[in-house]
PDB file of N, CA and C in Angstrom:
ATOM      1  N   MET A   1      12.093  -3.499   4.089  1.00  0.00           N
ATOM      2  CA  MET A   1      11.167  -4.534   4.416  1.00  0.00           C
ATOM      3  C   MET A   1      10.014  -4.321   3.401  1.00  0.00           C
ATOM      4  N   VAL A   2       9.530  -5.440   2.858  1.00  0.00           N
ATOM      5  CA  VAL A   2       8.434  -5.481   1.953  1.00  0.00           C
ATOM      6  C   VAL A   2       7.433  -6.459   2.570  1.00  0.00           C
ATOM      7  N   VAL A   3       6.137  -5.951   2.607  1.00  0.00           N
ATOM      8  CA  VAL A   3       5.073  -6.736   3.200  1.00  0.00           C
ATOM      9  C   VAL A   3       4.048  -7.235   2.319  1.00  0.00           C
ATOM     10  N   GLU A   4       3.700  -8.639   2.469  1.00  0.00           N
ATOM     11  CA  GLU A   4       2.675  -9.129   1.725  1.00  0.00           C
ATOM     12  C   GLU A   4       1.497  -9.480   2.715  1.00  0.00           C
ATOM     13  N   CYS A   5       0.361  -8.768   2.438  1.00  0.00           N
ATOM     14  CA  CYS A   5      -0.825  -8.885   3.236  1.00  0.00           C
ATOM     15  C   CYS A   5      -1.829  -9.871   2.657  1.00  0.00           C
ATOM     16  N   ASN A   6      -2.488 -10.705   3.404  1.00  0.00           N
ATOM     17  CA  ASN A   6      -3.314 -11.680   2.865  1.00  0.00           C
ATOM     18  C   ASN A   6      -4.845 -11.269   3.039  1.00  0.00           C
ATOM     19  N   CYS A   7      -5.077 -10.030   3.344  1.00  0.00           N
ATOM     20  CA  CYS A   7      -6.485  -9.555   3.451  1.00  0.00           C
ATOM     21  C   CYS A   7      -7.148  -9.733   2.146  1.00  0.00           C
ATOM     22  N   SER A   8      -8.402  -9.763   1.977  1.00  0.00           N
ATOM     23  CA  SER A   8      -9.113 -10.017   0.712  1.00  0.00           C
ATOM     24  C   SER A   8      -8.764  -9.020  -0.378  1.00  0.00           C
ATOM     25  N   LEU A   9      -8.540  -7.669  -0.022  1.00  0.00           N
ATOM     26  CA  LEU A   9      -8.337  -6.750  -0.991  1.00  0.00           C
ATOM     27  C   LEU A   9      -6.805  -6.660  -1.502  1.00  0.00           C
ATOM     28  N   CYS A  10      -5.897  -6.742  -0.561  1.00  0.00           N
ATOM     29  CA  CYS A  10      -4.459  -6.765  -1.016  1.00  0.00           C
ATOM     30  C   CYS A  10      -4.149  -7.974  -1.769  1.00  0.00           C
ATOM     31  N   ARG A  11      -4.809  -9.248  -1.388  1.00  0.00           N
ATOM     32  CA  ARG A  11      -4.726 -10.451  -2.144  1.00  0.00           C
ATOM     33  C   ARG A  11      -5.123 -10.352  -3.442  1.00  0.00           C
ATOM     34  N   ARG A  12      -6.247  -9.718  -3.665  1.00  0.00           N
ATOM     35  CA  ARG A  12      -6.816  -9.649  -5.026  1.00  0.00           C
ATOM     36  C   ARG A  12      -6.025  -8.650  -5.983  1.00  0.00           C
ATOM     37  N   TYR A  13      -5.685  -7.558  -5.339  1.00  0.00           N
ATOM     38  CA  TYR A  13      -4.769  -6.536  -6.042  1.00  0.00           C
ATOM     39  C   TYR A  13      -3.403  -7.016  -6.349  1.00  0.00           C
ATOM     40  N   GLY A  14      -2.943  -8.038  -5.566  1.00  0.00           N
ATOM     41  CA  GLY A  14      -1.625  -8.605  -5.846  1.00  0.00           C
ATOM     42  C   GLY A  14      -0.469  -7.730  -5.439  1.00  0.00           C
ATOM     43  N   VAL A  15      -0.664  -6.861  -4.499  1.00  0.00           N
ATOM     44  CA  VAL A  15       0.230  -5.831  -4.153  1.00  0.00           C
ATOM     45  C   VAL A  15       1.242  -6.325  -3.100  1.00  0.00           C
ATOM     46  N   LEU A  16       2.429  -5.756  -2.900  1.00  0.00           N
ATOM     47  CA  LEU A  16       3.404  -5.761  -1.907  1.00  0.00           C
ATOM     48  C   LEU A  16       3.591  -4.428  -1.386  1.00  0.00           C
ATOM     49  N   TRP A  17       3.606  -4.106  -0.140  1.00  0.00           N
ATOM     50  CA  TRP A  17       3.695  -2.885   0.537  1.00  0.00           C
ATOM     51  C   TRP A  17       5.129  -2.536   1.017  1.00  0.00           C
ATOM     52  N   VAL A  18       5.474  -1.373   0.861  1.00  0.00           N
ATOM     53  CA  VAL A  18       6.616  -0.776   1.598  1.00  0.00           C
ATOM     54  C   VAL A  18       5.929   0.441   2.391  1.00  0.00           C
ATOM     55  N   TYR A  19       6.375   0.612   3.540  1.00  0.00           N
ATOM     56  CA  TYR A  19       5.752   1.779   4.472  1.00  0.00           C
ATOM     57  C   TYR A  19       6.732   2.905   4.633  1.00  0.00           C
ATOM     58  N   TYR A  20       6.144   4.092   4.547  1.00  0.00           N
ATOM     59  CA  TYR A  20       6.908   5.262   4.707  1.00  0.00           C
ATOM     60  C   TYR A  20       6.097   6.272   5.543  1.00  0.00           C
ATOM     61  N   ASP A  21       6.795   7.158   6.279  1.00  0.00           N
ATOM     62  CA  ASP A  21       6.249   8.337   6.959  1.00  0.00           C
ATOM     63  C   ASP A  21       5.859   9.278   5.814  1.00  0.00           C
ATOM     64  N   ILE A  22       4.795  10.074   5.941  1.00  0.00           N
ATOM     65  CA  ILE A  22       4.458  11.003   4.923  1.00  0.00           C
ATOM     66  C   ILE A  22       5.403  12.037   4.708  1.00  0.00           C
ATOM     67  N   ALA A  23       6.242  12.309   5.746  1.00  0.00           N
ATOM     68  CA  ALA A  23       7.263  13.352   5.580  1.00  0.00           C
ATOM     69  C   ALA A  23       8.442  12.866   4.636  1.00  0.00           C
ATOM     70  N   GLU A  24       8.554  11.538   4.474  1.00  0.00           N
ATOM     71  CA  GLU A  24       9.702  10.998   3.618  1.00  0.00           C
ATOM     72  C   GLU A  24       9.223  10.887   2.149  1.00  0.00           C
ATOM     73  N   LEU A  25       7.892  11.155   1.845  1.00  0.00           N
ATOM     74  CA  LEU A  25       7.316  10.971   0.508  1.00  0.00           C
ATOM     75  C   LEU A  25       7.421  12.180  -0.327  1.00  0.00           C
ATOM     76  N   THR A  26       7.726  12.036  -1.586  1.00  0.00           N
ATOM     77  CA  THR A  26       7.478  13.024  -2.581  1.00  0.00           C
ATOM     78  C   THR A  26       6.978  12.341  -3.784  1.00  0.00           C
ATOM     79  N   GLY A  27       6.249  13.176  -4.578  1.00  0.00           N
ATOM     80  CA  GLY A  27       5.905  12.584  -5.925  1.00  0.00           C
ATOM     81  C   GLY A  27       4.602  11.713  -5.945  1.00  0.00           C
ATOM     82  N   LEU A  28       3.808  11.799  -4.825  1.00  0.00           N
ATOM     83  CA  LEU A  28       2.514  11.108  -4.864  1.00  0.00           C
ATOM     84  C   LEU A  28       1.669  11.901  -5.715  1.00  0.00           C
ATOM     85  N   PRO A  29       0.566  11.278  -6.454  1.00  0.00           N
ATOM     86  CA  PRO A  29      -0.333  11.923  -7.320  1.00  0.00           C
ATOM     87  C   PRO A  29      -1.061  13.158  -6.632  1.00  0.00           C
ATOM     88  N   GLU A  30      -1.263  14.208  -7.344  1.00  0.00           N
ATOM     89  CA  GLU A  30      -2.011  15.253  -6.810  1.00  0.00           C
ATOM     90  C   GLU A  30      -3.506  14.894  -6.678  1.00  0.00           C
ATOM     91  N   ALA A  31      -4.281  15.527  -5.705  1.00  0.00           N
ATOM     92  CA  ALA A  31      -5.641  15.144  -5.609  1.00  0.00           C
ATOM     93  C   ALA A  31      -6.364  15.241  -6.962  1.00  0.00           C
ATOM     94  N   GLY A  32      -7.204  14.248  -7.296  1.00  0.00           N
ATOM     95  CA  GLY A  32      -7.917  14.312  -8.659  1.00  0.00           C
ATOM     96  C   GLY A  32      -7.159  13.644  -9.804  1.00  0.00           C
ATOM     97  N   ALA A  33      -5.803  13.391  -9.512  1.00  0.00           N
ATOM     98  CA  ALA A  33      -4.946  12.843 -10.530  1.00  0.00           C
ATOM     99  C   ALA A  33      -5.028  11.293 -10.582  1.00  0.00           C
ATOM    100  N   ASP A  34      -5.714  10.685  -9.551  1.00  0.00           N
ATOM    101  CA  ASP A  34      -5.933   9.303  -9.444  1.00  0.00           C
ATOM    102  C   ASP A  34      -7.344   8.910  -8.975  1.00  0.00           C
ATOM    103  N   HIS A  35      -7.655   7.680  -9.054  1.00  0.00           N
ATOM    104  CA  HIS A  35      -8.892   7.170  -8.527  1.00  0.00           C
ATOM    105  C   HIS A  35      -8.677   6.721  -7.135  1.00  0.00           C
ATOM    106  N   VAL A  36      -9.595   6.896  -6.300  1.00  0.00           N
ATOM    107  CA  VAL A  36      -9.524   6.565  -4.908  1.00  0.00           C
ATOM    108  C   VAL A  36     -10.695   5.555  -4.452  1.00  0.00           C
ATOM    109  N   TYR A  37     -10.377   4.546  -3.742  1.00  0.00           N
ATOM    110  CA  TYR A  37     -11.289   3.594  -3.334  1.00  0.00           C
ATOM    111  C   TYR A  37     -11.223   3.483  -1.785  1.00  0.00           C
ATOM    112  N   ALA A  38     -12.345   3.693  -1.052  1.00  0.00           N
ATOM    113  CA  ALA A  38     -12.334   3.461   0.381  1.00  0.00           C
ATOM    114  C   ALA A  38     -12.816   2.106   0.772  1.00  0.00           C
ATOM    115  N   TRP A  39     -11.897   1.265   1.325  1.00  0.00           N
ATOM    116  CA  TRP A  39     -12.220  -0.132   1.624  1.00  0.00           C
ATOM    117  C   TRP A  39     -12.897  -0.319   2.904  1.00  0.00           C
ATOM    118  N   ASN A  40     -13.683  -1.348   2.957  1.00  0.00           N
ATOM    119  CA  ASN A  40     -14.260  -1.928   4.149  1.00  0.00           C
ATOM    120  C   ASN A  40     -14.724  -0.932   5.230  1.00  0.00           C
ATOM    121  N   GLY A  41     -14.011  -0.700   6.258  1.00  0.00           N
ATOM    122  CA  GLY A  41     -14.490   0.249   7.210  1.00  0.00           C
ATOM    123  C   GLY A  41     -14.173   1.762   7.015  1.00  0.00           C
ATOM    124  N   ARG A  42     -13.671   1.978   5.844  1.00  0.00           N
ATOM    125  CA  ARG A  42     -13.485   3.316   5.210  1.00  0.00           C
ATOM    126  C   ARG A  42     -12.422   4.111   6.041  1.00  0.00           C
ATOM    127  N   HIS A  43     -11.464   3.276   6.510  1.00  0.00           N
ATOM    128  CA  HIS A  43     -10.333   3.921   7.327  1.00  0.00           C
ATOM    129  C   HIS A  43      -9.189   4.274   6.412  1.00  0.00           C
ATOM    130  N   VAL A  44      -9.121   3.595   5.293  1.00  0.00           N
ATOM    131  CA  VAL A  44      -7.870   3.588   4.381  1.00  0.00           C
ATOM    132  C   VAL A  44      -8.439   3.913   3.015  1.00  0.00           C
ATOM    133  N   ASP A  45      -7.740   4.862   2.224  1.00  0.00           N
ATOM    134  CA  ASP A  45      -8.053   4.981   0.776  1.00  0.00           C
ATOM    135  C   ASP A  45      -6.956   4.407  -0.072  1.00  0.00           C
ATOM    136  N   PHE A  46      -7.449   3.599  -0.946  1.00  0.00           N
ATOM    137  CA  PHE A  46      -6.518   2.976  -1.980  1.00  0.00           C
ATOM    138  C   PHE A  46      -6.474   3.803  -3.094  1.00  0.00           C
ATOM    139  N   HIS A  47      -5.342   4.229  -3.625  1.00  0.00           N
ATOM    140  CA  HIS A  47      -5.082   5.023  -4.811  1.00  0.00           C
ATOM    141  C   HIS A  47      -4.587   4.259  -6.089  1.00  0.00           C
ATOM    142  N   ARG A  48      -5.168   4.586  -7.239  1.00  0.00           N
ATOM    143  CA  ARG A  48      -4.717   3.937  -8.375  1.00  0.00           C
ATOM    144  C   ARG A  48      -4.626   4.927  -9.593  1.00  0.00           C
ATOM    145  N   CYS A  49      -3.670   4.787 -10.410  1.00  0.00           N
ATOM    146  CA  CYS A  49      -3.339   5.630 -11.475  1.00  0.00           C
ATOM    147  C   CYS A  49      -4.526   5.767 -12.509  1.00  0.00           C
ATOM    148  N   ARG A  50      -4.911   7.074 -12.803  1.00  0.00           N
ATOM    149  CA  ARG A  50      -5.961   7.182 -13.783  1.00  0.00           C
ATOM    150  C   ARG A  50      -5.525   6.719 -15.339  1.00  0.00           C
ATOM    151  N   ASP A  51      -4.246   6.617 -15.518  1.00  0.00           N
ATOM    152  CA  ASP A  51      -3.749   6.254 -16.840  1.00  0.00           C
ATOM    153  C   ASP A  51      -3.629   4.793 -16.917  1.00  0.00           C
ATOM    154  N   CYS A  52      -2.925   4.215 -16.084  1.00  0.00           N
ATOM    155  CA  CYS A  52      -2.753   2.703 -16.302  1.00  0.00           C
ATOM    156  C   CYS A  52      -3.560   1.726 -15.387  1.00  0.00           C
ATOM    157  N   GLY A  53      -4.247   2.340 -14.344  1.00  0.00           N
ATOM    158  CA  GLY A  53      -5.043   1.560 -13.426  1.00  0.00           C
ATOM    159  C   GLY A  53      -4.254   0.882 -12.156  1.00  0.00           C
ATOM    160  N   CYS A  54      -2.969   1.020 -12.289  1.00  0.00           N
ATOM    161  CA  CYS A  54      -2.201   0.350 -11.173  1.00  0.00           C
ATOM    162  C   CYS A  54      -2.398   0.993  -9.814  1.00  0.00           C
ATOM    163  N   VAL A  55      -2.491   0.104  -8.769  1.00  0.00           N
ATOM    164  CA  VAL A  55      -2.630   0.623  -7.404  1.00  0.00           C
ATOM    165  C   VAL A  55      -1.302   1.154  -6.986  1.00  0.00           C
ATOM    166  N   THR A  56      -1.303   2.426  -6.631  1.00  0.00           N
ATOM    167  CA  THR A  56       0.090   3.198  -6.473  1.00  0.00           C
ATOM    168  C   THR A  56       0.276   3.110  -4.863  1.00  0.00           C
ATOM    169  N   HIS A  57      -0.717   3.457  -3.971  1.00  0.00           N
ATOM    170  CA  HIS A  57      -0.451   3.520  -2.620  1.00  0.00           C
ATOM    171  C   HIS A  57      -1.807   3.570  -1.874  1.00  0.00           C
ATOM    172  N   TRP A  58      -1.636   3.419  -0.582  1.00  0.00           N
ATOM    173  CA  TRP A  58      -2.830   3.611   0.285  1.00  0.00           C
ATOM    174  C   TRP A  58      -2.386   4.789   1.344  1.00  0.00           C
ATOM    175  N   ALA A  59      -3.549   5.369   1.736  1.00  0.00           N
ATOM    176  CA  ALA A  59      -3.259   6.572   2.799  1.00  0.00           C
ATOM    177  C   ALA A  59      -4.519   6.411   3.743  1.00  0.00           C
ATOM    178  N   PRO A  60      -4.235   6.589   5.037  1.00  0.00           N
ATOM    179  CA  PRO A  60      -5.347   6.469   6.061  1.00  0.00           C
ATOM    180  C   PRO A  60      -6.048   7.792   5.934  1.00  0.00           C
ATOM    181  N   ARG A  61      -7.357   7.639   6.379  1.00  0.00           N
ATOM    182  CA  ARG A  61      -8.234   8.778   6.424  1.00  0.00           C
ATOM    183  C   ARG A  61      -7.952   9.719   7.656  1.00  0.00           C
ATOM    184  N   SER A  62      -7.545   9.063   8.649  1.00  0.00           N
ATOM    185  CA  SER A  62      -7.222   9.748   9.887  1.00  0.00           C
ATOM    186  C   SER A  62      -5.966  10.595   9.823  1.00  0.00           C
ATOM    187  N   ALA A  63      -6.039  11.995  10.051  1.00  0.00           N
ATOM    188  CA  ALA A  63      -4.890  12.836  10.014  1.00  0.00           C
ATOM    189  C   ALA A  63      -3.840  12.491  10.832  1.00  0.00           C
ATOM    190  N   GLY A  64      -4.258  11.810  11.898  1.00  0.00           N
ATOM    191  CA  GLY A  64      -3.207  11.440  13.089  1.00  0.00           C
ATOM    192  C   GLY A  64      -2.290  10.265  12.560  1.00  0.00           C
ATOM    193  N   ARG A  65      -2.580   9.613  11.608  1.00  0.00           N
ATOM    194  CA  ARG A  65      -1.821   8.527  11.091  1.00  0.00           C
ATOM    195  C   ARG A  65      -0.895   9.025   9.993  1.00  0.00           C
ATOM    196  N   GLN A  66       0.367   8.873  10.161  1.00  0.00           N
ATOM    197  CA  GLN A  66       1.350   9.490   9.292  1.00  0.00           C
ATOM    198  C   GLN A  66       1.952   8.490   8.306  1.00  0.00           C
ATOM    199  N   THR A  67       1.778   7.136   8.510  1.00  0.00           N
ATOM    200  CA  THR A  67       2.318   6.117   7.645  1.00  0.00           C
ATOM    201  C   THR A  67       1.469   6.020   6.417  1.00  0.00           C
ATOM    202  N   ARG A  68       2.158   5.700   5.274  1.00  0.00           N
ATOM    203  CA  ARG A  68       1.540   5.469   3.938  1.00  0.00           C
ATOM    204  C   ARG A  68       2.126   4.166   3.427  1.00  0.00           C
ATOM    205  N   GLY A  69       1.403   3.490   2.595  1.00  0.00           N
ATOM    206  CA  GLY A  69       1.871   2.221   2.011  1.00  0.00           C
ATOM    207  C   GLY A  69       2.020   2.446   0.515  1.00  0.00           C
ATOM    208  N   ILE A  70       3.259   2.263   0.023  1.00  0.00           N
ATOM    209  CA  ILE A  70       3.505   2.261  -1.418  1.00  0.00           C
ATOM    210  C   ILE A  70       3.483   0.967  -2.047  1.00  0.00           C
ATOM    211  N   ASN A  71       2.930   0.733  -3.210  1.00  0.00           N
ATOM    212  CA  ASN A  71       2.912  -0.635  -3.814  1.00  0.00           C
ATOM    213  C   ASN A  71       4.368  -0.872  -4.418  1.00  0.00           C
ATOM    214  N   ALA A  72       5.020  -1.855  -3.692  1.00  0.00           N
ATOM    215  CA  ALA A  72       6.481  -2.177  -4.082  1.00  0.00           C
ATOM    216  C   ALA A  72       6.526  -2.860  -5.459  1.00  0.00           C
ATOM    217  N   ARG A  73       5.376  -3.338  -5.971  1.00  0.00           N
ATOM    218  CA  ARG A  73       5.407  -3.909  -7.239  1.00  0.00           C
ATOM    219  C   ARG A  73       5.673  -2.920  -8.298  1.00  0.00           C
ATOM    220  N   LEU A  74       5.709  -1.685  -7.979  1.00  0.00           N
ATOM    221  CA  LEU A  74       5.936  -0.587  -8.971  1.00  0.00           C
ATOM    222  C   LEU A  74       7.395  -0.200  -9.010  1.00  0.00           C
ATOM    223  N   LEU A  75       8.104  -0.720  -7.958  1.00  0.00           N
ATOM    224  CA  LEU A  75       9.712  -0.496  -7.885  1.00  0.00           C
ATOM    225  C   LEU A  75      10.312  -1.426  -8.769  1.00  0.00           C
ATOM    226  N   PRO A  76      11.617  -1.266  -9.125  1.00  0.00           N
ATOM    227  CA  PRO A  76      12.459  -2.118  -9.803  1.00  0.00           C
ATOM    228  C   PRO A  76      12.491  -3.560  -9.227  1.00  0.00           C
ATOM    229  N   PRO A  77      12.348  -4.564  -9.881  1.00  0.00           N
ATOM    230  CA  PRO A  77      12.473  -5.873  -9.414  1.00  0.00           C
ATOM    231  C   PRO A  77      13.622  -6.087  -8.639  1.00  0.00           C
ATOM    232  N   ALA A  78      14.810  -5.671  -8.882  1.00  0.00           N
ATOM    233  CA  ALA A  78      15.956  -5.842  -8.131  1.00  0.00           C
ATOM    234  C   ALA A  78      15.885  -5.250  -6.722  1.00  0.00           C
ATOM    235  N   VAL A  79      15.251  -4.188  -6.621  1.00  0.00           N
ATOM    236  CA  VAL A  79      15.000  -3.525  -5.280  1.00  0.00           C
ATOM    237  C   VAL A  79      14.140  -4.354  -4.403  1.00  0.00           C
ATOM    238  N   VAL A  80      13.097  -4.874  -4.858  1.00  0.00           N
ATOM    239  CA  VAL A  80      12.166  -5.791  -4.209  1.00  0.00           C
ATOM    240  C   VAL A  80      12.852  -7.026  -3.871  1.00  0.00           C
ATOM    241  N   ALA A  81      13.586  -7.642  -4.673  1.00  0.00           N
ATOM    242  CA  ALA A  81      14.314  -8.880  -4.458  1.00  0.00           C
ATOM    243  C   ALA A  81      15.365  -8.733  -3.410  1.00  0.00           C
ATOM    244  N   ALA A  82      15.881  -7.575  -3.199  1.00  0.00           N
ATOM    245  CA  ALA A  82      16.966  -7.336  -2.210  1.00  0.00           C
ATOM    246  C   ALA A  82      16.255  -7.200  -0.827  1.00  0.00           C
ATOM    247  N   ALA A  83      15.057  -6.810  -0.735  1.00  0.00           N
ATOM    248  CA  ALA A  83      14.427  -6.554   0.543  1.00  0.00           C
ATOM    249  C   ALA A  83      13.840  -7.761   1.285  1.00  0.00           C
ATOM    250  N   ARG A  84      13.791  -7.629   2.583  1.00  0.00           N
ATOM    251  CA  ARG A  84      13.144  -8.767   3.283  1.00  0.00           C
ATOM    252  C   ARG A  84      11.767  -8.802   3.104  1.00  0.00           C
ATOM    253  N   LEU A  85      11.182  -9.965   2.852  1.00  0.00           N
ATOM    254  CA  LEU A  85       9.770 -10.116   2.698  1.00  0.00           C
ATOM    255  C   LEU A  85       9.102 -10.585   3.925  1.00  0.00           C
ATOM    256  N   ARG A  86       8.130  -9.855   4.353  1.00  0.00           N
ATOM    257  CA  ARG A  86       7.278 -10.310   5.623  1.00  0.00           C
ATOM    258  C   ARG A  86       5.925 -10.610   5.187  1.00  0.00           C
ATOM    259  N   HIS A  87       5.268 -11.493   5.926  1.00  0.00           N
ATOM    260  CA  HIS A  87       3.955 -11.846   5.544  1.00  0.00           C
ATOM    261  C   HIS A  87       3.028 -11.358   6.824  1.00  0.00           C
ATOM    262  N   LYS A  88       1.925 -10.626   6.424  1.00  0.00           N
ATOM    263  CA  LYS A  88       1.110 -10.021   7.483  1.00  0.00           C
ATOM    264  C   LYS A  88      -0.253 -10.718   7.287  1.00  0.00           C
ATOM    265  N   ASP A  89      -0.840 -11.213   8.508  1.00  0.00           N
ATOM    266  CA  ASP A  89      -2.145 -11.813   8.551  1.00  0.00           C
ATOM    267  C   ASP A  89      -3.290 -10.759   8.592  1.00  0.00           C
ATOM    268  N   GLY A  90      -3.404  -9.957   7.594  1.00  0.00           N
ATOM    269  CA  GLY A  90      -4.398  -8.920   7.449  1.00  0.00           C
ATOM    270  C   GLY A  90      -5.870  -9.435   7.468  1.00  0.00           C
ATOM    271  N   ALA A  91      -5.985 -10.747   7.124  1.00  0.00           N
ATOM    272  CA  ALA A  91      -7.273 -11.472   7.051  1.00  0.00           C
ATOM    273  C   ALA A  91      -7.717 -11.819   8.393  1.00  0.00           C
ATOM    274  N   GLY A  92      -6.858 -11.849   9.337  1.00  0.00           N
ATOM    275  CA  GLY A  92      -7.222 -12.382  10.747  1.00  0.00           C
ATOM    276  C   GLY A  92      -6.678 -11.583  11.911  1.00  0.00           C
ATOM    277  N   THR A  93      -5.526 -11.937  12.327  1.00  0.00           N
ATOM    278  CA  THR A  93      -4.985 -11.247  13.535  1.00  0.00           C
ATOM    279  C   THR A  93      -4.249  -9.877  13.360  1.00  0.00           C
ATOM    280  N   GLY A  94      -3.938  -9.623  12.118  1.00  0.00           N
ATOM    281  CA  GLY A  94      -3.227  -8.300  11.885  1.00  0.00           C
ATOM    282  C   GLY A  94      -1.756  -8.353  12.207  1.00  0.00           C
ATOM    283  N   ARG A  95      -1.274  -9.565  12.707  1.00  0.00           N
ATOM    284  CA  ARG A  95       0.103  -9.731  13.044  1.00  0.00           C
ATOM    285  C   ARG A  95       0.894 -10.346  11.862  1.00  0.00           C
ATOM    286  N   TYR A  96       2.359 -10.119  12.030  1.00  0.00           N
ATOM    287  CA  TYR A  96       3.051 -10.757  11.094  1.00  0.00           C
ATOM    288  C   TYR A  96       3.164 -12.206  11.334  1.00  0.00           C
ATOM    289  N   LEU A  97       3.281 -13.075  10.282  1.00  0.00           N
ATOM    290  CA  LEU A  97       3.317 -14.453  10.454  1.00  0.00           C
ATOM    291  C   LEU A  97       4.699 -14.994  10.488  1.00  0.00           C
ATOM    292  N   ASP A  98       5.628 -14.213  10.142  1.00  0.00           N
ATOM    293  CA  ASP A  98       7.054 -14.595  10.178  1.00  0.00           C
ATOM    294  C   ASP A  98       7.970 -13.477  10.915  1.00  0.00           C
TER     295      ASP A  98
END
């Protein structure tokens, strides 16, 4: 599943998200290898590549949250096209619209 969020930041970044548990992920940038931006209530850090500037992922600041969002726009287009696209109302209810 790929998620398109309509919150002001995700909409401006133009990202699509795929979600993974932290235990499933390897290869995320080392601390200091990317730029980090804490948005709004400072609950989530958005990471972007120091070289190209692309948003790579987000990570919650709370150690209790294990889910991370990976920018699906960085995946091969065929992988994204084969996935189900869901729309999330991040600008309002936080619920999926479909």
